[in-house]
Amino acid sequence: MVEQDTVKLLRECDAGVKMGVSSIDDVLDYVHAAPLKERLSRCKREHEELAEQIETLLERYHDDGKDPNPMAKSMSWVKTNVKLAVNESDATIADLMTDGCNMGVKSLNKYLNQYEAADERTKDIAKRLINLEEKLAVDIRAYL
């Protein structure tokens, strides 16, 4: 049970971190304020560092991980591009990123509860990813 829950939680973290990196990539070229751009870039790097740790652990379990849900990724891309086409502002970017962070936090907490038998190292990764998302949402409030 521990190994099953561990792998399942790692997969969800893998999908979440990939979605986070992709979402930041989608908006980064539109950012006007240098501090916002730096904050998003730093968050992207932090996500990529976690992705490496997740990948290493998944390899130990001989698992390929999980990509984000294609429908969710497509809907996110469309929403981002439509909103930015209408209003290409830092406020729009902050709004989009805050929504994404909130969805990530909600999903990851759900999976953390669902896969409670996962090992502590994997739970720690999930919690660090949740904290990254929460911190980004707080840090960019000034741009809303």
Protein backbone atom coordinates (compact mmCIF):
# COMPACT_ATOMS: atom_id res chain seq x y z
CA MET A 1 0.00 0.00 0.00
CA VAL A 2 2.84 2.41 0.85
CA GLU A 3 4.52 1.90 -2.50
CA GLN A 4 1.25 2.21 -4.44
CA ASP A 5 0.28 5.45 -2.72
CA THR A 6 3.83 6.76 -3.06
CA VAL A 7 3.88 6.20 -6.82
CA LYS A 8 0.38 7.63 -7.27
CA LEU A 9 1.24 10.78 -5.29
CA LEU A 10 4.52 11.16 -7.19
CA ARG A 11 2.60 10.93 -10.47
CA GLU A 12 0.21 13.68 -9.39
CA CYS A 13 3.11 15.86 -8.26
CA ASP A 14 4.79 15.20 -11.61
CA ALA A 15 1.69 16.31 -13.50
CA GLY A 16 1.27 19.33 -11.23
CA VAL A 17 4.84 20.52 -11.57
CA LYS A 18 4.69 20.13 -15.37
CA MET A 19 1.44 22.10 -15.47
CA GLY A 20 3.01 24.85 -13.34
CA VAL A 21 6.07 25.17 -15.58
CA SER A 22 3.90 25.17 -18.70
CA SER A 23 1.58 27.84 -17.29
CA ILE A 24 4.48 30.10 -16.37
CA ASP A 25 5.98 29.60 -19.84
CA ASP A 26 2.65 30.61 -21.38
CA VAL A 27 2.68 34.04 -19.71
CA LEU A 28 6.34 34.93 -19.20
CA ASP A 29 6.79 36.73 -22.52
CA TYR A 30 3.81 39.00 -21.76
CA VAL A 31 5.03 40.24 -18.36
CA HIS A 32 5.87 43.95 -18.21
CA ALA A 33 7.07 44.48 -14.63
CA ALA A 34 10.61 43.23 -14.03
CA PRO A 35 9.91 42.12 -10.41
CA LEU A 36 6.93 40.04 -11.56
CA LYS A 37 8.96 38.48 -14.35
CA GLU A 38 11.77 37.64 -11.89
CA ARG A 39 9.31 36.13 -9.40
CA LEU A 40 7.71 33.95 -12.07
CA SER A 41 11.11 32.90 -13.41
CA ARG A 42 12.30 31.97 -9.92
CA CYS A 43 9.13 29.98 -9.32
CA LYS A 44 9.64 28.17 -12.62
CA ARG A 45 13.20 27.23 -11.58
CA GLU A 46 11.92 25.98 -8.23
CA HIS A 47 9.31 23.87 -10.02
CA GLU A 48 12.01 22.45 -12.30
CA GLU A 49 14.17 21.54 -9.30
CA LEU A 50 11.25 19.68 -7.75
CA ALA A 51 10.59 18.01 -11.12
CA GLU A 52 14.13 16.58 -11.05
CA GLN A 53 13.58 15.17 -7.57
CA ILE A 54 10.24 13.69 -8.59
CA GLU A 55 11.77 12.13 -11.71
CA THR A 56 14.57 10.55 -9.65
CA LEU A 57 12.07 9.00 -7.26
CA LEU A 58 9.83 7.80 -10.07
CA GLU A 59 12.82 6.11 -11.70
CA ARG A 60 13.39 4.17 -8.47
CA TYR A 61 9.88 2.79 -8.83
CA HIS A 62 10.37 2.19 -12.57
CA ASP A 63 7.55 4.60 -13.37
CA ASP A 64 7.38 7.14 -16.22
CA GLY A 65 5.37 9.70 -14.27
CA LYS A 66 2.33 11.52 -15.52
CA ASP A 67 1.67 14.37 -17.89
CA PRO A 68 -0.99 16.96 -17.10
CA ASN A 69 -4.50 16.14 -18.26
CA PRO A 70 -4.55 17.19 -21.95
CA MET A 71 -8.01 18.73 -21.60
CA ALA A 72 -7.01 20.77 -18.56
CA LYS A 73 -3.82 21.89 -20.27
CA SER A 74 -5.70 22.88 -23.43
CA MET A 75 -8.36 24.77 -21.49
CA SER A 76 -5.66 26.59 -19.53
CA TRP A 77 -3.85 27.55 -22.74
CA VAL A 78 -7.06 28.83 -24.36
CA LYS A 79 -8.09 30.80 -21.27
CA THR A 80 -4.63 32.35 -21.03
CA ASN A 81 -4.47 33.34 -24.67
CA VAL A 82 -8.02 34.71 -24.80
CA LYS A 83 -7.56 36.79 -21.65
CA LEU A 84 -4.18 38.10 -22.80
CA ALA A 85 -5.58 38.94 -26.25
CA VAL A 86 -8.22 41.11 -24.57
CA ASN A 87 -5.97 42.62 -21.92
CA GLU A 88 -2.22 42.06 -22.06
CA SER A 89 -1.47 43.41 -18.58
CA ASP A 90 0.40 42.24 -15.52
CA ALA A 91 -2.93 42.27 -13.67
CA THR A 92 -4.32 39.74 -16.15
CA ILE A 93 -1.22 37.58 -15.75
CA ALA A 94 -1.44 37.77 -11.95
CA ASP A 95 -5.12 36.81 -12.14
CA LEU A 96 -4.42 33.83 -14.39
CA MET A 97 -1.49 32.64 -12.28
CA THR A 98 -3.44 33.03 -9.04
CA ASP A 99 -6.27 30.90 -10.44
CA GLY A 100 -3.75 28.27 -11.54
CA CYS A 101 -2.00 28.27 -8.16
CA ASN A 102 -5.30 27.89 -6.34
CA MET A 103 -6.31 24.95 -8.53
CA GLY A 104 -2.90 23.35 -8.00
CA VAL A 105 -3.07 23.77 -4.23
CA LYS A 106 -6.57 22.31 -4.14
CA SER A 107 -5.66 19.30 -6.30
CA LEU A 108 -2.41 18.55 -4.52
CA ASN A 109 -4.03 18.72 -1.10
CA LYS A 110 -6.73 16.34 -2.32
CA TYR A 111 -4.10 13.87 -3.52
CA LEU A 112 -2.05 14.28 -0.34
CA ASN A 113 -5.15 13.26 1.63
CA GLN A 114 -6.13 10.53 -0.82
CA TYR A 115 -2.71 8.86 -0.84
CA GLU A 116 -2.04 9.12 2.88
CA ALA A 117 0.01 5.90 2.92
CA ALA A 118 2.67 7.48 0.68
CA ASP A 119 6.16 7.64 2.14
CA GLU A 120 7.23 10.77 4.01
CA ARG A 121 9.72 11.87 1.36
CA THR A 122 6.98 11.95 -1.27
CA LYS A 123 4.58 13.73 1.07
CA ASP A 124 7.31 16.30 1.71
CA ILE A 125 7.69 16.92 -2.03
CA ALA A 126 3.93 17.38 -2.37
CA LYS A 127 3.93 19.81 0.55
CA ARG A 128 6.85 21.78 -0.91
CA LEU A 129 5.02 22.02 -4.23
CA ILE A 130 1.88 23.21 -2.43
CA ASN A 131 3.96 25.81 -0.58
CA LEU A 132 5.51 27.03 -3.83
CA GLU A 133 2.06 27.54 -5.33
CA GLU A 134 0.71 29.26 -2.21
CA LYS A 135 3.72 31.56 -1.98
CA LEU A 136 3.49 32.57 -5.63
CA ALA A 137 -0.19 33.42 -5.25
CA VAL A 138 0.63 35.63 -2.26
CA ASP A 139 3.70 37.22 -3.88
CA ILE A 140 1.82 38.35 -6.98
CA ARG A 141 -1.23 39.82 -5.22
CA ALA A 142 0.22 43.30 -5.63
CA TYR A 143 -0.28 42.95 -9.40
CA LEU A 144 -3.98 42.02 -9.25
